[in-house]
Amino acid sequence: MCGFSKPKISTPPPVQAAPQEQDEVVTSSRDEEMRRRRAASGRKSTMLTGSQGATGAASTSGKTLLGQ
């Protein structure tokens, strides 16, 4: 009564291993880039004001109606 059969599945090709060797120039430039990014992401690179805060006058205006 059952007219279905199992599908025919072929075996996949073998997976090639990724190369493990890296060039000295590539690894040194990667390390240099990582060191440069770590140095740039220090605490002072994100501070926009000093310890006193913003000392200038605030740029505020009155209420506006739809930008007029």
N, C-alpha and C. Protein backbone atom coordinates (compact mmCIF):
# COMPACT_ATOMS: atom_id res chain seq x y z
N MET A 1 0.80 -1.17 0.00
CA MET A 1 0.00 0.00 0.00
C MET A 1 0.86 1.26 0.00
N CYS A 2 1.97 1.17 0.61
CA CYS A 2 2.85 2.33 0.71
C CYS A 2 3.71 2.39 -0.55
N GLY A 3 3.57 3.45 -1.34
CA GLY A 3 4.31 3.56 -2.58
C GLY A 3 5.59 4.38 -2.44
N PHE A 4 5.96 4.73 -1.23
CA PHE A 4 7.14 5.57 -1.02
C PHE A 4 8.36 4.72 -0.71
N SER A 5 9.52 5.17 -1.15
CA SER A 5 10.76 4.48 -0.83
C SER A 5 11.75 5.50 -0.26
N LYS A 6 12.81 5.02 0.34
CA LYS A 6 13.81 5.91 0.91
C LYS A 6 14.53 6.66 -0.21
N PRO A 7 14.85 7.93 0.02
CA PRO A 7 15.62 8.67 -0.99
C PRO A 7 17.07 8.17 -1.03
N LYS A 8 17.65 8.21 -2.18
CA LYS A 8 19.04 7.79 -2.35
C LYS A 8 19.95 8.97 -2.02
N ILE A 9 20.78 8.80 -1.03
CA ILE A 9 21.67 9.87 -0.57
C ILE A 9 23.10 9.47 -0.90
N SER A 10 23.79 10.35 -1.63
CA SER A 10 25.19 10.07 -1.94
C SER A 10 26.07 10.60 -0.81
N THR A 11 27.23 10.03 -0.65
CA THR A 11 28.14 10.47 0.41
C THR A 11 28.80 11.78 0.01
N PRO A 12 28.92 12.73 0.93
CA PRO A 12 29.54 14.02 0.60
C PRO A 12 31.05 13.84 0.45
N PRO A 13 31.69 14.77 -0.27
CA PRO A 13 33.15 14.70 -0.40
C PRO A 13 33.81 14.99 0.96
N PRO A 14 35.02 14.49 1.16
CA PRO A 14 35.69 14.73 2.44
C PRO A 14 36.02 16.22 2.62
N VAL A 15 35.99 16.67 3.86
CA VAL A 15 36.25 18.07 4.20
C VAL A 15 37.75 18.29 4.28
N GLN A 16 38.21 19.38 3.65
CA GLN A 16 39.63 19.71 3.70
C GLN A 16 39.92 20.49 4.99
N ALA A 17 41.02 20.19 5.61
CA ALA A 17 41.42 20.88 6.83
C ALA A 17 41.95 22.28 6.48
N ALA A 18 41.69 23.23 7.35
CA ALA A 18 42.18 24.59 7.15
C ALA A 18 43.69 24.61 7.37
N PRO A 19 44.41 25.44 6.63
CA PRO A 19 45.86 25.52 6.82
C PRO A 19 46.20 26.08 8.20
N GLN A 20 47.20 25.52 8.84
CA GLN A 20 47.58 25.91 10.19
C GLN A 20 48.76 26.87 10.22
N GLU A 21 49.50 26.96 9.15
CA GLU A 21 50.67 27.84 9.12
C GLU A 21 50.25 29.26 8.74
N GLN A 22 50.90 30.24 9.36
CA GLN A 22 50.67 31.63 9.01
C GLN A 22 52.00 32.31 8.80
N ASP A 23 52.00 33.28 7.92
CA ASP A 23 53.20 34.02 7.60
C ASP A 23 53.58 34.92 8.77
N GLU A 24 54.85 35.10 8.98
CA GLU A 24 55.36 35.94 10.08
C GLU A 24 54.87 37.39 9.93
N VAL A 25 54.82 37.89 8.71
CA VAL A 25 54.38 39.27 8.47
C VAL A 25 52.91 39.43 8.83
N VAL A 26 52.10 38.43 8.51
CA VAL A 26 50.67 38.50 8.80
C VAL A 26 50.44 38.51 10.31
N THR A 27 51.09 37.64 11.04
CA THR A 27 50.88 37.59 12.48
C THR A 27 51.40 38.85 13.17
N SER A 28 52.52 39.38 12.72
CA SER A 28 53.05 40.59 13.36
C SER A 28 52.16 41.79 13.07
N SER A 29 51.62 41.90 11.86
CA SER A 29 50.74 43.03 11.56
C SER A 29 49.42 42.90 12.31
N ARG A 30 48.93 41.68 12.49
CA ARG A 30 47.70 41.48 13.26
C ARG A 30 47.92 41.87 14.72
N ASP A 31 49.06 41.45 15.28
CA ASP A 31 49.36 41.79 16.67
C ASP A 31 49.52 43.30 16.84
N GLU A 32 50.15 43.94 15.87
CA GLU A 32 50.34 45.40 15.93
C GLU A 32 49.00 46.11 15.87
N GLU A 33 48.11 45.65 15.02
CA GLU A 33 46.78 46.26 14.90
C GLU A 33 45.99 46.08 16.19
N MET A 34 46.05 44.92 16.80
CA MET A 34 45.35 44.68 18.06
C MET A 34 45.91 45.56 19.17
N ARG A 35 47.23 45.73 19.22
CA ARG A 35 47.86 46.58 20.23
C ARG A 35 47.44 48.04 20.03
N ARG A 36 47.38 48.48 18.78
CA ARG A 36 46.99 49.85 18.48
C ARG A 36 45.54 50.10 18.88
N ARG A 37 44.67 49.15 18.62
CA ARG A 37 43.26 49.31 18.99
C ARG A 37 43.06 49.31 20.50
N ARG A 38 43.82 48.47 21.22
CA ARG A 38 43.72 48.46 22.67
C ARG A 38 44.18 49.79 23.24
N ALA A 39 45.24 50.36 22.67
CA ALA A 39 45.74 51.64 23.16
C ALA A 39 44.75 52.76 22.87
N ALA A 40 44.07 52.71 21.74
CA ALA A 40 43.13 53.76 21.37
C ALA A 40 41.84 53.67 22.16
N SER A 41 41.52 52.51 22.69
CA SER A 41 40.25 52.36 23.39
C SER A 41 40.38 52.62 24.88
N GLY A 42 41.37 53.37 25.26
CA GLY A 42 41.57 53.69 26.67
C GLY A 42 40.48 54.60 27.19
N ARG A 43 40.56 54.94 28.45
CA ARG A 43 39.53 55.73 29.12
C ARG A 43 39.46 57.16 28.59
N LYS A 44 40.60 57.76 28.30
CA LYS A 44 40.62 59.15 27.88
C LYS A 44 40.10 59.35 26.47
N SER A 45 40.07 58.30 25.65
CA SER A 45 39.61 58.47 24.28
C SER A 45 38.12 58.72 24.20
N THR A 46 37.36 58.45 25.26
CA THR A 46 35.92 58.66 25.23
C THR A 46 35.47 59.86 26.05
N MET A 47 36.36 60.50 26.79
CA MET A 47 35.97 61.66 27.59
C MET A 47 35.89 62.90 26.71
N LEU A 48 34.75 63.56 26.73
CA LEU A 48 34.55 64.74 25.92
C LEU A 48 34.70 66.02 26.72
N THR A 49 34.63 65.95 28.04
CA THR A 49 34.78 67.13 28.88
C THR A 49 35.81 66.84 29.96
N GLY A 50 36.22 67.86 30.65
CA GLY A 50 37.17 67.70 31.73
C GLY A 50 36.47 67.38 33.04
N SER A 51 37.18 67.53 34.15
CA SER A 51 36.61 67.22 35.45
C SER A 51 35.57 68.25 35.89
N GLN A 52 35.61 69.47 35.31
CA GLN A 52 34.65 70.52 35.65
C GLN A 52 33.34 70.37 34.88
N GLY A 53 33.31 69.51 33.87
CA GLY A 53 32.12 69.36 33.05
C GLY A 53 32.10 70.40 31.95
N ALA A 54 30.97 70.60 31.34
CA ALA A 54 30.81 71.60 30.29
C ALA A 54 30.63 72.96 30.97
N THR A 55 31.57 73.88 30.76
CA THR A 55 31.53 75.18 31.43
C THR A 55 30.90 76.26 30.58
N GLY A 56 30.64 76.03 29.31
CA GLY A 56 30.03 77.03 28.44
C GLY A 56 28.54 77.13 28.68
N ALA A 57 27.92 78.14 28.07
CA ALA A 57 26.46 78.34 28.19
C ALA A 57 25.75 77.24 27.39
N ALA A 58 24.65 76.79 27.94
CA ALA A 58 23.88 75.77 27.26
C ALA A 58 23.14 76.39 26.08
N SER A 59 23.07 75.67 24.99
CA SER A 59 22.37 76.20 23.80
C SER A 59 20.93 75.70 23.82
N THR A 60 20.10 76.39 24.60
CA THR A 60 18.68 76.04 24.68
C THR A 60 17.85 77.17 24.11
N SER A 61 16.67 76.86 23.68
CA SER A 61 15.77 77.89 23.17
C SER A 61 14.37 77.58 23.68
N GLY A 62 13.44 78.49 23.41
CA GLY A 62 12.08 78.30 23.87
C GLY A 62 11.38 77.19 23.11
N LYS A 63 10.11 76.99 23.47
CA LYS A 63 9.34 75.97 22.81
C LYS A 63 9.11 76.32 21.35
N THR A 64 9.07 75.32 20.51
CA THR A 64 8.81 75.55 19.09
C THR A 64 7.62 74.70 18.68
N LEU A 65 6.94 75.14 17.67
CA LEU A 65 5.82 74.40 17.12
C LEU A 65 6.22 73.86 15.77
N LEU A 66 6.44 72.58 15.70
CA LEU A 66 6.85 71.90 14.46
C LEU A 66 8.09 72.53 13.85
N GLY A 67 9.05 72.89 14.67
CA GLY A 67 10.33 73.39 14.18
C GLY A 67 10.31 74.83 13.74
N GLN A 68 9.27 75.60 14.02
CA GLN A 68 9.22 77.02 13.61
C GLN A 68 9.82 77.89 14.67
